[in-house]
Amino acid sequence: MGMTEVKTSPCPLTLTEGAKNEILKLIEEKNVPAEYALRVGVKGGGCSGLSYILGFDEAKDSDDQWLVDGIRVIMDKAHGMYLAGMEVDYVEGLANRGFTFN
């Protein structure tokens, strides 16, 4: 486990206010360890293409790291091109509730 340097360049993705509020709430409710960060990534998904990954994890040597409005965001360096311009939102409605990638 290595400590990755926090990048000063803009993060390739953005978090809406709703997503930031829900992430901060989850960090507090789930007692996420301070050394963990929000991991955002992609994984191959067969016929449907890519699936998005969102969770809390420790930074690895292969990660880039940013500070987005006080939230540490980590991402495997190879995933940046798939997440560039992506917006992570949190929706709460009658039909569905959860994080979305737009």
Protein backbone atom coordinates (compact mmCIF):
# COMPACT_ATOMS: atom_id res chain seq x y z
CA MET A 1 0.00 0.00 0.00
CA GLY A 2 1.59 3.24 -1.13
CA MET A 3 0.50 6.79 -0.57
CA THR A 4 -0.36 8.43 -3.84
CA GLU A 5 0.22 12.13 -4.22
CA VAL A 6 -2.86 14.36 -4.33
CA LYS A 7 -3.08 15.86 -7.82
CA THR A 8 -3.57 19.58 -8.22
CA SER A 9 -4.99 19.17 -11.73
CA PRO A 10 -8.79 19.05 -12.00
CA CYS A 11 -10.39 15.70 -11.28
CA PRO A 12 -11.70 14.12 -14.52
CA LEU A 13 -15.15 13.75 -12.97
CA THR A 14 -17.45 16.00 -10.98
CA LEU A 15 -19.66 15.34 -7.96
CA THR A 16 -23.02 17.09 -7.71
CA GLU A 17 -24.10 18.64 -4.41
CA GLY A 18 -26.46 15.70 -3.88
CA ALA A 19 -23.65 13.18 -4.41
CA LYS A 20 -21.27 15.07 -2.11
CA ASN A 21 -23.88 15.27 0.65
CA GLU A 22 -24.69 11.55 0.40
CA ILE A 23 -20.98 10.57 0.34
CA LEU A 24 -20.26 12.65 3.45
CA LYS A 25 -23.31 11.12 5.14
CA LEU A 26 -22.11 7.59 4.29
CA ILE A 27 -18.59 8.32 5.58
CA GLU A 28 -20.06 9.34 8.92
CA GLU A 29 -22.75 6.64 9.17
CA LYS A 30 -20.47 3.76 8.14
CA ASN A 31 -17.45 5.02 10.15
CA VAL A 32 -15.25 4.87 7.05
CA PRO A 33 -11.58 4.84 8.19
CA ALA A 34 -9.73 8.13 7.64
CA GLU A 35 -7.13 6.44 5.40
CA TYR A 36 -9.88 5.39 2.96
CA ALA A 37 -11.00 7.49 0.00
CA LEU A 38 -13.87 7.37 -2.47
CA ARG A 39 -12.85 4.97 -5.24
CA VAL A 40 -14.41 5.64 -8.63
CA GLY A 41 -13.68 3.32 -11.52
CA VAL A 42 -14.92 1.10 -14.31
CA LYS A 43 -14.94 -2.62 -14.98
CA GLY A 44 -15.69 -4.60 -18.12
CA GLY A 45 -19.30 -5.62 -18.33
CA GLY A 46 -19.78 -8.16 -21.13
CA CYS A 47 -22.49 -7.26 -23.66
CA SER A 48 -23.49 -4.06 -21.93
CA GLY A 49 -20.02 -2.50 -22.01
CA LEU A 50 -18.59 -0.87 -18.89
CA SER A 51 -19.98 -0.87 -15.36
CA TYR A 52 -19.10 1.89 -12.92
CA ILE A 53 -17.49 1.29 -9.52
CA LEU A 54 -18.13 3.51 -6.51
CA GLY A 55 -16.99 2.65 -2.98
CA PHE A 56 -14.51 3.35 -0.22
CA ASP A 57 -11.00 1.91 -0.47
CA GLU A 58 -7.35 2.52 0.35
CA ALA A 59 -5.20 4.19 -2.29
CA LYS A 60 -2.85 1.97 -4.28
CA ASP A 61 0.35 2.82 -6.16
CA SER A 62 -1.57 2.59 -9.46
CA ASP A 63 -4.07 5.27 -8.39
CA ASP A 64 -4.38 8.98 -9.03
CA GLN A 65 -5.83 10.98 -6.15
CA TRP A 66 -7.70 14.29 -5.96
CA LEU A 67 -9.37 16.34 -3.26
CA VAL A 68 -12.86 17.29 -4.48
CA ASP A 69 -14.55 19.72 -2.07
CA GLY A 70 -12.97 18.00 0.92
CA ILE A 71 -13.63 14.43 -0.35
CA ARG A 72 -10.58 12.34 -1.28
CA VAL A 73 -11.27 10.70 -4.65
CA ILE A 74 -9.05 7.89 -5.96
CA MET A 75 -9.07 6.31 -9.37
CA ASP A 76 -6.86 3.77 -11.12
CA LYS A 77 -4.74 5.73 -13.61
CA ALA A 78 -6.04 3.54 -16.46
CA HIS A 79 -9.67 4.48 -15.72
CA GLY A 80 -9.28 8.25 -16.21
CA MET A 81 -10.01 8.16 -19.94
CA TYR A 82 -13.31 6.32 -19.32
CA LEU A 83 -14.42 8.72 -16.58
CA ALA A 84 -13.35 12.03 -18.14
CA GLY A 85 -16.29 14.44 -18.12
CA MET A 86 -18.44 12.10 -16.01
CA GLU A 87 -20.77 13.57 -13.40
CA VAL A 88 -21.65 11.50 -10.33
CA ASP A 89 -25.06 12.40 -8.92
CA TYR A 90 -27.31 11.04 -6.19
CA VAL A 91 -31.00 10.73 -6.94
CA GLU A 92 -33.80 10.02 -4.53
CA GLY A 93 -37.20 9.53 -6.11
CA LEU A 94 -40.27 7.31 -5.96
CA ALA A 95 -38.99 4.86 -8.57
CA ASN A 96 -35.31 4.78 -7.70
CA ARG A 97 -32.65 5.94 -5.29
CA GLY A 98 -28.88 5.87 -5.60
CA PHE A 99 -25.80 7.16 -7.35
CA THR A 100 -25.92 7.75 -11.09
CA PHE A 101 -23.17 8.37 -13.64
CA ASN A 102 -24.06 10.94 -16.30
